[in-house]
Amino acid sequence: REWFDVIVTCNMFGDIITDLGAMIQGGMGIAAGANINPQGVSMFEPIHGSAPKYTGKSVINPLAAIAAAGMMLEHLGEEKGAKLVDEAITKLLSSGRIKDLSTKSGLKTYEIGDMVVRNMGGS
């Protein structure tokens, strides 16, 4: 068995690999990805995409977007902030307060975001 920290591939195969990897860590709803450009701007995003059909409905679980922000912090050398984000997400998922990671969780987008902030020590 081999473990990979970084896999370099074209966009299409990268999308396939991240989708498969997401299922191992809990599903598309919490997986974040990055497109790293060592010579320029990098991009961090939830791998499920933007889901425009849910705009304004406050039903999307924001954990993947928050995790992507944590990845960006790590990339920028802000290890303390990245660790804070990661630990807040892990604590929330371990608490059992979110029963379903899909749009059927019964929680509003801002409610989940507020839970993460509270786990980071915010109010």
PDB file of N, CA and C in Angstrom:
ATOM      1  N   ARG A   1       0.843  -1.167   0.000  1.00  0.00           N
ATOM      2  CA  ARG A   1       0.000   0.000   0.000  1.00  0.00           C
ATOM      3  C   ARG A   1       0.892   1.235   0.000  1.00  0.00           C
ATOM      4  N   GLU A   2       0.477   2.270  -0.739  1.00  0.00           N
ATOM      5  CA  GLU A   2       1.225   3.520  -0.780  1.00  0.00           C
ATOM      6  C   GLU A   2       0.320   4.682  -0.403  1.00  0.00           C
ATOM      7  N   TRP A   3       0.903   5.693   0.230  1.00  0.00           N
ATOM      8  CA  TRP A   3       0.178   6.913   0.586  1.00  0.00           C
ATOM      9  C   TRP A   3       0.800   8.066  -0.177  1.00  0.00           C
ATOM     10  N   PHE A   4      -0.034   8.935  -0.689  1.00  0.00           N
ATOM     11  CA  PHE A   4       0.448  10.079  -1.445  1.00  0.00           C
ATOM     12  C   PHE A   4      -0.007  11.371  -0.778  1.00  0.00           C
ATOM     13  N   ASP A   5       0.895  12.303  -0.647  1.00  0.00           N
ATOM     14  CA  ASP A   5       0.555  13.623  -0.142  1.00  0.00           C
ATOM     15  C   ASP A   5       0.197  14.537  -1.305  1.00  0.00           C
ATOM     16  N   VAL A   6       0.889  14.361  -2.422  1.00  0.00           N
ATOM     17  CA  VAL A   6       0.668  15.174  -3.614  1.00  0.00           C
ATOM     18  C   VAL A   6       0.642  14.261  -4.829  1.00  0.00           C
ATOM     19  N   ILE A   7      -0.338  14.471  -5.675  1.00  0.00           N
ATOM     20  CA  ILE A   7      -0.404  13.765  -6.953  1.00  0.00           C
ATOM     21  C   ILE A   7      -0.474  14.824  -8.037  1.00  0.00           C
ATOM     22  N   VAL A   8       0.433  14.765  -8.994  1.00  0.00           N
ATOM     23  CA  VAL A   8       0.445  15.717 -10.098  1.00  0.00           C
ATOM     24  C   VAL A   8      -0.191  15.043 -11.304  1.00  0.00           C
ATOM     25  N   THR A   9      -1.230  15.664 -11.836  1.00  0.00           N
ATOM     26  CA  THR A   9      -1.947  15.091 -12.972  1.00  0.00           C
ATOM     27  C   THR A   9      -2.671  16.205 -13.718  1.00  0.00           C
ATOM     28  N   CYS A  10      -3.273  15.868 -14.836  1.00  0.00           N
ATOM     29  CA  CYS A  10      -4.063  16.862 -15.563  1.00  0.00           C
ATOM     30  C   CYS A  10      -5.392  17.076 -14.832  1.00  0.00           C
ATOM     31  N   ASN A  11      -6.106  18.116 -15.192  1.00  0.00           N
ATOM     32  CA  ASN A  11      -7.326  18.502 -14.488  1.00  0.00           C
ATOM     33  C   ASN A  11      -8.373  17.393 -14.475  1.00  0.00           C
ATOM     34  N   MET A  12      -8.622  16.748 -15.605  1.00  0.00           N
ATOM     35  CA  MET A  12      -9.675  15.731 -15.669  1.00  0.00           C
ATOM     36  C   MET A  12      -9.393  14.579 -14.701  1.00  0.00           C
ATOM     37  N   PHE A  13      -8.171  14.045 -14.742  1.00  0.00           N
ATOM     38  CA  PHE A  13      -7.846  12.934 -13.854  1.00  0.00           C
ATOM     39  C   PHE A  13      -7.747  13.396 -12.399  1.00  0.00           C
ATOM     40  N   GLY A  14      -7.316  14.627 -12.185  1.00  0.00           N
ATOM     41  CA  GLY A  14      -7.293  15.176 -10.834  1.00  0.00           C
ATOM     42  C   GLY A  14      -8.690  15.248 -10.243  1.00  0.00           C
ATOM     43  N   ASP A  15      -9.668  15.656 -11.065  1.00  0.00           N
ATOM     44  CA  ASP A  15     -11.058  15.694 -10.602  1.00  0.00           C
ATOM     45  C   ASP A  15     -11.556  14.304 -10.222  1.00  0.00           C
ATOM     46  N   ILE A  16     -11.226  13.319 -11.026  1.00  0.00           N
ATOM     47  CA  ILE A  16     -11.652  11.943 -10.744  1.00  0.00           C
ATOM     48  C   ILE A  16     -11.021  11.447  -9.440  1.00  0.00           C
ATOM     49  N   ILE A  17      -9.734  11.678  -9.281  1.00  0.00           N
ATOM     50  CA  ILE A  17      -9.026  11.214  -8.083  1.00  0.00           C
ATOM     51  C   ILE A  17      -9.566  11.906  -6.827  1.00  0.00           C
ATOM     52  N   THR A  18      -9.813  13.219  -6.904  1.00  0.00           N
ATOM     53  CA  THR A  18     -10.322  13.910  -5.713  1.00  0.00           C
ATOM     54  C   THR A  18     -11.741  13.469  -5.373  1.00  0.00           C
ATOM     55  N   ASP A  19     -12.554  13.195  -6.386  1.00  0.00           N
ATOM     56  CA  ASP A  19     -13.909  12.699  -6.111  1.00  0.00           C
ATOM     57  C   ASP A  19     -13.865  11.344  -5.416  1.00  0.00           C
ATOM     58  N   LEU A  20     -12.979  10.471  -5.876  1.00  0.00           N
ATOM     59  CA  LEU A  20     -12.842   9.155  -5.238  1.00  0.00           C
ATOM     60  C   LEU A  20     -12.295   9.292  -3.816  1.00  0.00           C
ATOM     61  N   GLY A  21     -11.305  10.134  -3.652  1.00  0.00           N
ATOM     62  CA  GLY A  21     -10.726  10.352  -2.329  1.00  0.00           C
ATOM     63  C   GLY A  21     -11.722  10.950  -1.355  1.00  0.00           C
ATOM     64  N   ALA A  22     -12.614  11.778  -1.872  1.00  0.00           N
ATOM     65  CA  ALA A  22     -13.631  12.400  -1.014  1.00  0.00           C
ATOM     66  C   ALA A  22     -14.512  11.357  -0.357  1.00  0.00           C
ATOM     67  N   MET A  23     -14.806  10.310  -1.062  1.00  0.00           N
ATOM     68  CA  MET A  23     -15.675   9.270  -0.508  1.00  0.00           C
ATOM     69  C   MET A  23     -15.004   8.568   0.675  1.00  0.00           C
ATOM     70  N   ILE A  24     -13.698   8.481   0.652  1.00  0.00           N
ATOM     71  CA  ILE A  24     -12.965   7.851   1.750  1.00  0.00           C
ATOM     72  C   ILE A  24     -13.011   8.716   3.009  1.00  0.00           C
ATOM     73  N   GLN A  25     -12.962  10.023   2.846  1.00  0.00           N
ATOM     74  CA  GLN A  25     -12.921  10.913   4.013  1.00  0.00           C
ATOM     75  C   GLN A  25     -14.282  11.348   4.507  1.00  0.00           C
ATOM     76  N   GLY A  26     -15.361  10.924   3.851  1.00  0.00           N
ATOM     77  CA  GLY A  26     -16.684  11.265   4.361  1.00  0.00           C
ATOM     78  C   GLY A  26     -17.648  11.798   3.333  1.00  0.00           C
ATOM     79  N   GLY A  27     -17.208  11.989   2.120  1.00  0.00           N
ATOM     80  CA  GLY A  27     -18.117  12.424   1.064  1.00  0.00           C
ATOM     81  C   GLY A  27     -17.738  13.752   0.455  1.00  0.00           C
ATOM     82  N   MET A  28     -18.414  14.060  -0.641  1.00  0.00           N
ATOM     83  CA  MET A  28     -18.145  15.280  -1.392  1.00  0.00           C
ATOM     84  C   MET A  28     -18.465  16.530  -0.570  1.00  0.00           C
ATOM     85  N   GLY A  29     -19.343  16.406   0.395  1.00  0.00           N
ATOM     86  CA  GLY A  29     -19.777  17.567   1.166  1.00  0.00           C
ATOM     87  C   GLY A  29     -18.731  18.167   2.074  1.00  0.00           C
ATOM     88  N   ILE A  30     -17.649  17.453   2.340  1.00  0.00           N
ATOM     89  CA  ILE A  30     -16.627  18.006   3.235  1.00  0.00           C
ATOM     90  C   ILE A  30     -15.242  18.041   2.608  1.00  0.00           C
ATOM     91  N   ALA A  31     -15.130  17.678   1.341  1.00  0.00           N
ATOM     92  CA  ALA A  31     -13.819  17.592   0.700  1.00  0.00           C
ATOM     93  C   ALA A  31     -13.425  18.909   0.034  1.00  0.00           C
ATOM     94  N   ALA A  32     -12.194  19.304   0.270  1.00  0.00           N
ATOM     95  CA  ALA A  32     -11.640  20.508  -0.345  1.00  0.00           C
ATOM     96  C   ALA A  32     -10.508  20.107  -1.277  1.00  0.00           C
ATOM     97  N   GLY A  33     -10.252  20.936  -2.252  1.00  0.00           N
ATOM     98  CA  GLY A  33      -9.174  20.664  -3.190  1.00  0.00           C
ATOM     99  C   GLY A  33      -8.416  21.940  -3.509  1.00  0.00           C
ATOM    100  N   ALA A  34      -7.266  21.763  -4.129  1.00  0.00           N
ATOM    101  CA  ALA A  34      -6.445  22.917  -4.484  1.00  0.00           C
ATOM    102  C   ALA A  34      -5.803  22.695  -5.839  1.00  0.00           C
ATOM    103  N   ASN A  35      -5.696  23.766  -6.579  1.00  0.00           N
ATOM    104  CA  ASN A  35      -4.920  23.802  -7.814  1.00  0.00           C
ATOM    105  C   ASN A  35      -3.735  24.713  -7.520  1.00  0.00           C
ATOM    106  N   ILE A  36      -2.567  24.102  -7.343  1.00  0.00           N
ATOM    107  CA  ILE A  36      -1.384  24.843  -6.915  1.00  0.00           C
ATOM    108  C   ILE A  36      -0.560  25.258  -8.123  1.00  0.00           C
ATOM    109  N   ASN A  37      -0.229  26.527  -8.180  1.00  0.00           N
ATOM    110  CA  ASN A  37       0.648  27.063  -9.210  1.00  0.00           C
ATOM    111  C   ASN A  37       1.875  27.619  -8.504  1.00  0.00           C
ATOM    112  N   PRO A  38       2.996  26.904  -8.540  1.00  0.00           N
ATOM    113  CA  PRO A  38       4.183  27.356  -7.807  1.00  0.00           C
ATOM    114  C   PRO A  38       4.709  28.719  -8.265  1.00  0.00           C
ATOM    115  N   GLN A  39       4.410  29.106  -9.515  1.00  0.00           N
ATOM    116  CA  GLN A  39       4.896  30.384 -10.026  1.00  0.00           C
ATOM    117  C   GLN A  39       3.828  31.479 -10.042  1.00  0.00           C
ATOM    118  N   GLY A  40       2.637  31.179  -9.544  1.00  0.00           N
ATOM    119  CA  GLY A  40       1.587  32.189  -9.632  1.00  0.00           C
ATOM    120  C   GLY A  40       0.485  31.959  -8.624  1.00  0.00           C
ATOM    121  N   VAL A  41      -0.701  32.341  -9.026  1.00  0.00           N
ATOM    122  CA  VAL A  41      -1.865  32.266  -8.154  1.00  0.00           C
ATOM    123  C   VAL A  41      -2.363  30.828  -8.046  1.00  0.00           C
ATOM    124  N   SER A  42      -2.658  30.390  -6.848  1.00  0.00           N
ATOM    125  CA  SER A  42      -3.243  29.070  -6.618  1.00  0.00           C
ATOM    126  C   SER A  42      -4.719  29.242  -6.277  1.00  0.00           C
ATOM    127  N   MET A  43      -5.494  28.166  -6.456  1.00  0.00           N
ATOM    128  CA  MET A  43      -6.930  28.236  -6.210  1.00  0.00           C
ATOM    129  C   MET A  43      -7.340  27.118  -5.254  1.00  0.00           C
ATOM    130  N   PHE A  44      -8.184  27.448  -4.295  1.00  0.00           N
ATOM    131  CA  PHE A  44      -8.656  26.507  -3.287  1.00  0.00           C
ATOM    132  C   PHE A  44     -10.171  26.516  -3.321  1.00  0.00           C
ATOM    133  N   GLU A  45     -10.778  25.323  -3.317  1.00  0.00           N
ATOM    134  CA  GLU A  45     -12.230  25.254  -3.492  1.00  0.00           C
ATOM    135  C   GLU A  45     -12.800  23.963  -2.925  1.00  0.00           C
ATOM    136  N   PRO A  46     -14.105  23.967  -2.636  1.00  0.00           N
ATOM    137  CA  PRO A  46     -14.766  22.698  -2.308  1.00  0.00           C
ATOM    138  C   PRO A  46     -14.819  21.873  -3.588  1.00  0.00           C
ATOM    139  N   ILE A  47     -14.561  20.583  -3.508  1.00  0.00           N
ATOM    140  CA  ILE A  47     -14.523  19.814  -4.753  1.00  0.00           C
ATOM    141  C   ILE A  47     -15.902  19.583  -5.336  1.00  0.00           C
ATOM    142  N   HIS A  48     -16.952  19.844  -4.562  1.00  0.00           N
ATOM    143  CA  HIS A  48     -18.298  19.667  -5.101  1.00  0.00           C
ATOM    144  C   HIS A  48     -18.704  20.807  -6.023  1.00  0.00           C
ATOM    145  N   GLY A  49     -17.912  21.850  -6.110  1.00  0.00           N
ATOM    146  CA  GLY A  49     -18.238  22.974  -6.980  1.00  0.00           C
ATOM    147  C   GLY A  49     -19.106  24.004  -6.280  1.00  0.00           C
ATOM    148  N   SER A  50     -19.636  24.925  -7.054  1.00  0.00           N
ATOM    149  CA  SER A  50     -20.360  26.061  -6.482  1.00  0.00           C
ATOM    150  C   SER A  50     -21.846  25.808  -6.238  1.00  0.00           C
ATOM    151  N   ALA A  51     -22.441  24.818  -6.877  1.00  0.00           N
ATOM    152  CA  ALA A  51     -23.859  24.459  -6.689  1.00  0.00           C
ATOM    153  C   ALA A  51     -24.789  25.662  -6.822  1.00  0.00           C
ATOM    154  N   PRO A  52     -24.773  26.350  -7.978  1.00  0.00           N
ATOM    155  CA  PRO A  52     -25.581  27.566  -8.130  1.00  0.00           C
ATOM    156  C   PRO A  52     -27.086  27.355  -7.954  1.00  0.00           C
ATOM    157  N   LYS A  53     -27.575  26.138  -8.130  1.00  0.00           N
ATOM    158  CA  LYS A  53     -29.021  25.918  -7.968  1.00  0.00           C
ATOM    159  C   LYS A  53     -29.481  26.120  -6.523  1.00  0.00           C
ATOM    160  N   TYR A  54     -28.533  26.132  -5.587  1.00  0.00           N
ATOM    161  CA  TYR A  54     -28.874  26.331  -4.176  1.00  0.00           C
ATOM    162  C   TYR A  54     -28.637  27.765  -3.698  1.00  0.00           C
ATOM    163  N   THR A  55     -28.289  28.659  -4.605  1.00  0.00           N
ATOM    164  CA  THR A  55     -28.011  30.044  -4.237  1.00  0.00           C
ATOM    165  C   THR A  55     -29.179  30.659  -3.471  1.00  0.00           C
ATOM    166  N   GLY A  56     -28.869  31.254  -2.332  1.00  0.00           N
ATOM    167  CA  GLY A  56     -29.864  31.956  -1.538  1.00  0.00           C
ATOM    168  C   GLY A  56     -30.772  31.077  -0.697  1.00  0.00           C
ATOM    169  N   LYS A  57     -30.590  29.758  -0.748  1.00  0.00           N
ATOM    170  CA  LYS A  57     -31.478  28.852  -0.013  1.00  0.00           C
ATOM    171  C   LYS A  57     -30.937  28.460   1.359  1.00  0.00           C
ATOM    172  N   SER A  58     -29.684  28.744   1.629  1.00  0.00           N
ATOM    173  CA  SER A  58     -29.035  28.451   2.910  1.00  0.00           C
ATOM    174  C   SER A  58     -29.163  26.983   3.317  1.00  0.00           C
ATOM    175  N   VAL A  59     -28.984  26.088   2.337  1.00  0.00           N
ATOM    176  CA  VAL A  59     -29.056  24.654   2.628  1.00  0.00           C
ATOM    177  C   VAL A  59     -27.720  23.945   2.407  1.00  0.00           C
ATOM    178  N   ILE A  60     -26.745  24.647   1.869  1.00  0.00           N
ATOM    179  CA  ILE A  60     -25.459  24.026   1.560  1.00  0.00           C
ATOM    180  C   ILE A  60     -24.605  23.927   2.821  1.00  0.00           C
ATOM    181  N   ASN A  61     -23.988  22.784   2.999  1.00  0.00           N
ATOM    182  CA  ASN A  61     -23.048  22.573   4.087  1.00  0.00           C
ATOM    183  C   ASN A  61     -21.749  23.301   3.704  1.00  0.00           C
ATOM    184  N   PRO A  62     -21.306  24.278   4.494  1.00  0.00           N
ATOM    185  CA  PRO A  62     -20.122  25.055   4.124  1.00  0.00           C
ATOM    186  C   PRO A  62     -18.788  24.434   4.540  1.00  0.00           C
ATOM    187  N   LEU A  63     -18.795  23.227   5.088  1.00  0.00           N
ATOM    188  CA  LEU A  63     -17.552  22.656   5.618  1.00  0.00           C
ATOM    189  C   LEU A  63     -16.468  22.506   4.559  1.00  0.00           C
ATOM    190  N   ALA A  64     -16.827  22.131   3.333  1.00  0.00           N
ATOM    191  CA  ALA A  64     -15.818  21.983   2.283  1.00  0.00           C
ATOM    192  C   ALA A  64     -15.189  23.330   1.941  1.00  0.00           C
ATOM    193  N   ALA A  65     -15.996  24.383   1.882  1.00  0.00           N
ATOM    194  CA  ALA A  65     -15.464  25.720   1.602  1.00  0.00           C
ATOM    195  C   ALA A  65     -14.574  26.196   2.751  1.00  0.00           C
ATOM    196  N   ILE A  66     -14.988  25.914   3.973  1.00  0.00           N
ATOM    197  CA  ILE A  66     -14.186  26.299   5.139  1.00  0.00           C
ATOM    198  C   ILE A  66     -12.878  25.512   5.148  1.00  0.00           C
ATOM    199  N   ALA A  67     -12.938  24.227   4.809  1.00  0.00           N
ATOM    200  CA  ALA A  67     -11.721  23.409   4.731  1.00  0.00           C
ATOM    201  C   ALA A  67     -10.790  23.933   3.638  1.00  0.00           C
ATOM    202  N   ALA A  68     -11.360  24.387   2.519  1.00  0.00           N
ATOM    203  CA  ALA A  68     -10.545  24.959   1.441  1.00  0.00           C
ATOM    204  C   ALA A  68      -9.832  26.222   1.926  1.00  0.00           C
ATOM    205  N   ALA A  69     -10.526  27.022   2.724  1.00  0.00           N
ATOM    206  CA  ALA A  69      -9.891  28.216   3.298  1.00  0.00           C
ATOM    207  C   ALA A  69      -8.736  27.815   4.215  1.00  0.00           C
ATOM    208  N   GLY A  70      -8.919  26.731   4.966  1.00  0.00           N
ATOM    209  CA  GLY A  70      -7.838  26.224   5.808  1.00  0.00           C
ATOM    210  C   GLY A  70      -6.640  25.766   4.989  1.00  0.00           C
ATOM    211  N   MET A  71      -6.918  25.106   3.864  1.00  0.00           N
ATOM    212  CA  MET A  71      -5.828  24.687   2.971  1.00  0.00           C
ATOM    213  C   MET A  71      -5.079  25.902   2.435  1.00  0.00           C
ATOM    214  N   MET A  72      -5.820  26.955   2.096  1.00  0.00           N
ATOM    215  CA  MET A  72      -5.198  28.176   1.600  1.00  0.00           C
ATOM    216  C   MET A  72      -4.301  28.795   2.674  1.00  0.00           C
ATOM    217  N   LEU A  73      -4.785  28.823   3.916  1.00  0.00           N
ATOM    218  CA  LEU A  73      -3.970  29.356   5.009  1.00  0.00           C
ATOM    219  C   LEU A  73      -2.661  28.580   5.144  1.00  0.00           C
ATOM    220  N   GLU A  74      -2.762  27.256   5.069  1.00  0.00           N
ATOM    221  CA  GLU A  74      -1.553  26.429   5.154  1.00  0.00           C
ATOM    222  C   GLU A  74      -0.599  26.755   4.009  1.00  0.00           C
ATOM    223  N   HIS A  75      -1.131  26.871   2.803  1.00  0.00           N
ATOM    224  CA  HIS A  75      -0.324  27.190   1.621  1.00  0.00           C
ATOM    225  C   HIS A  75       0.380  28.536   1.779  1.00  0.00           C
ATOM    226  N   LEU A  76      -0.279  29.480   2.436  1.00  0.00           N
ATOM    227  CA  LEU A  76       0.284  30.819   2.632  1.00  0.00           C
ATOM    228  C   LEU A  76       1.230  30.892   3.830  1.00  0.00           C
ATOM    229  N   GLY A  77       1.455  29.753   4.487  1.00  0.00           N
ATOM    230  CA  GLY A  77       2.369  29.719   5.620  1.00  0.00           C
ATOM    231  C   GLY A  77       1.728  30.080   6.944  1.00  0.00           C
ATOM    232  N   GLU A  78       0.419  30.162   6.967  1.00  0.00           N
ATOM    233  CA  GLU A  78      -0.314  30.492   8.196  1.00  0.00           C
ATOM    234  C   GLU A  78      -0.729  29.198   8.903  1.00  0.00           C
ATOM    235  N   GLU A  79       0.274  28.455   9.376  1.00  0.00           N
ATOM    236  CA  GLU A  79       0.029  27.134   9.951  1.00  0.00           C
ATOM    237  C   GLU A  79      -0.895  27.172  11.166  1.00  0.00           C
ATOM    238  N   LYS A  80      -0.746  28.179  12.009  1.00  0.00           N
ATOM    239  CA  LYS A  80      -1.573  28.268  13.214  1.00  0.00           C
ATOM    240  C   LYS A  80      -3.051  28.418  12.839  1.00  0.00           C
ATOM    241  N   GLY A  81      -3.341  29.296  11.907  1.00  0.00           N
ATOM    242  CA  GLY A  81      -4.719  29.488  11.456  1.00  0.00           C
ATOM    243  C   GLY A  81      -5.271  28.254  10.772  1.00  0.00           C
ATOM    244  N   ALA A  82      -4.433  27.613   9.944  1.00  0.00           N
ATOM    245  CA  ALA A  82      -4.859  26.396   9.245  1.00  0.00           C
ATOM    246  C   ALA A  82      -5.203  25.295  10.239  1.00  0.00           C
ATOM    247  N   LYS A  83      -4.381  25.159  11.268  1.00  0.00           N
ATOM    248  CA  LYS A  83      -4.626  24.136  12.288  1.00  0.00           C
ATOM    249  C   LYS A  83      -5.902  24.441  13.066  1.00  0.00           C
ATOM    250  N   LEU A  84      -6.139  25.692  13.354  1.00  0.00           N
ATOM    251  CA  LEU A  84      -7.345  26.107  14.069  1.00  0.00           C
ATOM    252  C   LEU A  84      -8.597  25.737  13.273  1.00  0.00           C
ATOM    253  N   VAL A  85      -8.583  26.002  11.972  1.00  0.00           N
ATOM    254  CA  VAL A  85      -9.714  25.662  11.100  1.00  0.00           C
ATOM    255  C   VAL A  85      -9.914  24.154  11.065  1.00  0.00           C
ATOM    256  N   ASP A  86      -8.833  23.419  10.843  1.00  0.00           N
ATOM    257  CA  ASP A  86      -8.918  21.957  10.744  1.00  0.00           C
ATOM    258  C   ASP A  86      -9.445  21.340  12.039  1.00  0.00           C
ATOM    259  N   GLU A  87      -8.929  21.794  13.160  1.00  0.00           N
ATOM    260  CA  GLU A  87      -9.374  21.250  14.449  1.00  0.00           C
ATOM    261  C   GLU A  87     -10.835  21.600  14.738  1.00  0.00           C
ATOM    262  N   ALA A  88     -11.270  22.782  14.331  1.00  0.00           N
ATOM    263  CA  ALA A  88     -12.667  23.182  14.550  1.00  0.00           C
ATOM    264  C   ALA A  88     -13.615  22.300  13.742  1.00  0.00           C
ATOM    265  N   ILE A  89     -13.234  21.993  12.505  1.00  0.00           N
ATOM    266  CA  ILE A  89     -14.058  21.117  11.665  1.00  0.00           C
ATOM    267  C   ILE A  89     -14.086  19.712  12.248  1.00  0.00           C
ATOM    268  N   THR A  90     -12.924  19.203  12.633  1.00  0.00           N
ATOM    269  CA  THR A  90     -12.841  17.856  13.206  1.00  0.00           C
ATOM    270  C   THR A  90     -13.677  17.748  14.476  1.00  0.00           C
ATOM    271  N   LYS A  91     -13.594  18.753  15.328  1.00  0.00           N
ATOM    272  CA  LYS A  91     -14.371  18.758  16.575  1.00  0.00           C
ATOM    273  C   LYS A  91     -15.867  18.744  16.282  1.00  0.00           C
ATOM    274  N   LEU A  92     -16.291  19.534  15.302  1.00  0.00           N
ATOM    275  CA  LEU A  92     -17.708  19.585  14.946  1.00  0.00           C
ATOM    276  C   LEU A  92     -18.183  18.243  14.408  1.00  0.00           C
ATOM    277  N   LEU A  93     -17.416  17.646  13.506  1.00  0.00           N
ATOM    278  CA  LEU A  93     -17.821  16.358  12.935  1.00  0.00           C
ATOM    279  C   LEU A  93     -17.839  15.258  13.991  1.00  0.00           C
ATOM    280  N   SER A  94     -16.915  15.324  14.938  1.00  0.00           N
ATOM    281  CA  SER A  94     -16.858  14.321  16.006  1.00  0.00           C
ATOM    282  C   SER A  94     -17.990  14.478  17.016  1.00  0.00           C
ATOM    283  N   SER A  95     -18.564  15.662  17.093  1.00  0.00           N
ATOM    284  CA  SER A  95     -19.597  15.942  18.097  1.00  0.00           C
ATOM    285  C   SER A  95     -20.931  15.272  17.791  1.00  0.00           C
ATOM    286  N   GLY A  96     -21.162  14.946  16.534  1.00  0.00           N
ATOM    287  CA  GLY A  96     -22.433  14.344  16.147  1.00  0.00           C
ATOM    288  C   GLY A  96     -23.557  15.349  15.952  1.00  0.00           C
ATOM    289  N   ARG A  97     -23.242  16.649  16.048  1.00  0.00           N
ATOM    290  CA  ARG A  97     -24.283  17.674  15.877  1.00  0.00           C
ATOM    291  C   ARG A  97     -24.783  17.774  14.439  1.00  0.00           C
ATOM    292  N   ILE A  98     -23.973  17.313  13.494  1.00  0.00           N
ATOM    293  CA  ILE A  98     -24.401  17.297  12.096  1.00  0.00           C
ATOM    294  C   ILE A  98     -24.687  15.847  11.738  1.00  0.00           C
ATOM    295  N   LYS A  99     -25.948  15.541  11.535  1.00  0.00           N
ATOM    296  CA  LYS A  99     -26.370  14.158  11.289  1.00  0.00           C
ATOM    297  C   LYS A  99     -26.194  13.743   9.834  1.00  0.00           C
ATOM    298  N   ASP A 100     -26.200  14.713   8.920  1.00  0.00           N
ATOM    299  CA  ASP A 100     -26.142  14.427   7.487  1.00  0.00           C
ATOM    300  C   ASP A 100     -25.321  15.533   6.832  1.00  0.00           C
ATOM    301  N   LEU A 101     -24.363  15.172   5.997  1.00  0.00           N
ATOM    302  CA  LEU A 101     -23.508  16.173   5.367  1.00  0.00           C
ATOM    303  C   LEU A 101     -24.090  16.716   4.070  1.00  0.00           C
ATOM    304  N   SER A 102     -25.265  16.274   3.693  1.00  0.00           N
ATOM    305  CA  SER A 102     -25.892  16.730   2.450  1.00  0.00           C
ATOM    306  C   SER A 102     -26.790  17.934   2.724  1.00  0.00           C
ATOM    307  N   THR A 103     -27.545  18.329   1.706  1.00  0.00           N
ATOM    308  CA  THR A 103     -28.492  19.438   1.858  1.00  0.00           C
ATOM    309  C   THR A 103     -29.674  19.049   2.736  1.00  0.00           C
ATOM    310  N   LYS A 104     -29.753  17.799   3.135  1.00  0.00           N
ATOM    311  CA  LYS A 104     -30.863  17.303   3.959  1.00  0.00           C
ATOM    312  C   LYS A 104     -30.521  17.283   5.453  1.00  0.00           C
ATOM    313  N   SER A 105     -29.499  18.007   5.860  1.00  0.00           N
ATOM    314  CA  SER A 105     -29.060  17.978   7.262  1.00  0.00           C
ATOM    315  C   SER A 105     -30.047  18.651   8.205  1.00  0.00           C
ATOM    316  N   GLY A 106     -30.904  19.506   7.669  1.00  0.00           N
ATOM    317  CA  GLY A 106     -31.826  20.253   8.518  1.00  0.00           C
ATOM    318  C   GLY A 106     -31.201  21.497   9.119  1.00  0.00           C
ATOM    319  N   LEU A 107     -29.937  21.737   8.811  1.00  0.00           N
ATOM    320  CA  LEU A 107     -29.232  22.911   9.332  1.00  0.00           C
ATOM    321  C   LEU A 107     -29.015  23.927   8.217  1.00  0.00           C
ATOM    322  N   LYS A 108     -29.077  25.184   8.564  1.00  0.00           N
ATOM    323  CA  LYS A 108     -28.808  26.260   7.613  1.00  0.00           C
ATOM    324  C   LYS A 108     -27.297  26.411   7.437  1.00  0.00           C
ATOM    325  N   THR A 109     -26.902  26.935   6.287  1.00  0.00           N
ATOM    326  CA  THR A 109     -25.488  27.160   6.002  1.00  0.00           C
ATOM    327  C   THR A 109     -24.830  27.962   7.123  1.00  0.00           C
ATOM    328  N   TYR A 110     -25.469  29.045   7.529  1.00  0.00           N
ATOM    329  CA  TYR A 110     -24.882  29.900   8.566  1.00  0.00           C
ATOM    330  C   TYR A 110     -24.823  29.200   9.920  1.00  0.00           C
ATOM    331  N   GLU A 111     -25.744  28.279  10.195  1.00  0.00           N
ATOM    332  CA  GLU A 111     -25.710  27.566  11.474  1.00  0.00           C
ATOM    333  C   GLU A 111     -24.463  26.687  11.560  1.00  0.00           C
ATOM    334  N   ILE A 112     -24.151  26.005  10.471  1.00  0.00           N
ATOM    335  CA  ILE A 112     -22.948  25.164  10.457  1.00  0.00           C
ATOM    336  C   ILE A 112     -21.706  26.042  10.554  1.00  0.00           C
ATOM    337  N   GLY A 113     -21.688  27.137   9.806  1.00  0.00           N
ATOM    338  CA  GLY A 113     -20.560  28.070   9.890  1.00  0.00           C
ATOM    339  C   GLY A 113     -20.374  28.612  11.294  1.00  0.00           C
ATOM    340  N   ASP A 114     -21.481  28.959  11.945  1.00  0.00           N
ATOM    341  CA  ASP A 114     -21.407  29.454  13.328  1.00  0.00           C
ATOM    342  C   ASP A 114     -20.846  28.393  14.273  1.00  0.00           C
ATOM    343  N   MET A 115     -21.201  27.129  14.052  1.00  0.00           N
ATOM    344  CA  MET A 115     -20.672  26.046  14.893  1.00  0.00           C
ATOM    345  C   MET A 115     -19.158  25.952  14.749  1.00  0.00           C
ATOM    346  N   VAL A 116     -18.663  26.098  13.521  1.00  0.00           N
ATOM    347  CA  VAL A 116     -17.214  26.057  13.294  1.00  0.00           C
ATOM    348  C   VAL A 116     -16.549  27.222  14.023  1.00  0.00           C
ATOM    349  N   VAL A 117     -17.115  28.410  13.891  1.00  0.00           N
ATOM    350  CA  VAL A 117     -16.547  29.596  14.557  1.00  0.00           C
ATOM    351  C   VAL A 117     -16.502  29.395  16.071  1.00  0.00           C
ATOM    352  N   ARG A 118     -17.571  28.861  16.644  1.00  0.00           N
ATOM    353  CA  ARG A 118     -17.579  28.604  18.098  1.00  0.00           C
ATOM    354  C   ARG A 118     -16.480  27.609  18.478  1.00  0.00           C
ATOM    355  N   ASN A 119     -16.261  26.606  17.635  1.00  0.00           N
ATOM    356  CA  ASN A 119     -15.204  25.630  17.920  1.00  0.00           C
ATOM    357  C   ASN A 119     -13.810  26.241  17.797  1.00  0.00           C
ATOM    358  N   MET A 120     -13.726  27.374  17.123  1.00  0.00           N
ATOM    359  CA  MET A 120     -12.446  28.080  16.996  1.00  0.00           C
ATOM    360  C   MET A 120     -12.244  29.064  18.147  1.00  0.00           C
ATOM    361  N   GLY A 121     -13.230  29.133  19.034  1.00  0.00           N
ATOM    362  CA  GLY A 121     -13.129  30.034  20.174  1.00  0.00           C
ATOM    363  C   GLY A 121     -13.841  31.356  19.970  1.00  0.00           C
ATOM    364  N   GLY A 122     -14.570  31.474  18.841  1.00  0.00           N
ATOM    365  CA  GLY A 122     -15.317  32.706  18.581  1.00  0.00           C
ATOM    366  C   GLY A 122     -16.712  32.624  19.159  1.00  0.00           C
ATOM    367  N   SER A 123     -17.435  33.734  19.076  1.00  0.00           N
ATOM    368  CA  SER A 123     -18.795  33.738  19.631  1.00  0.00           C
ATOM    369  C   SER A 123     -19.850  33.779  18.552  1.00  0.00           C
TER     370      SER A 123
END
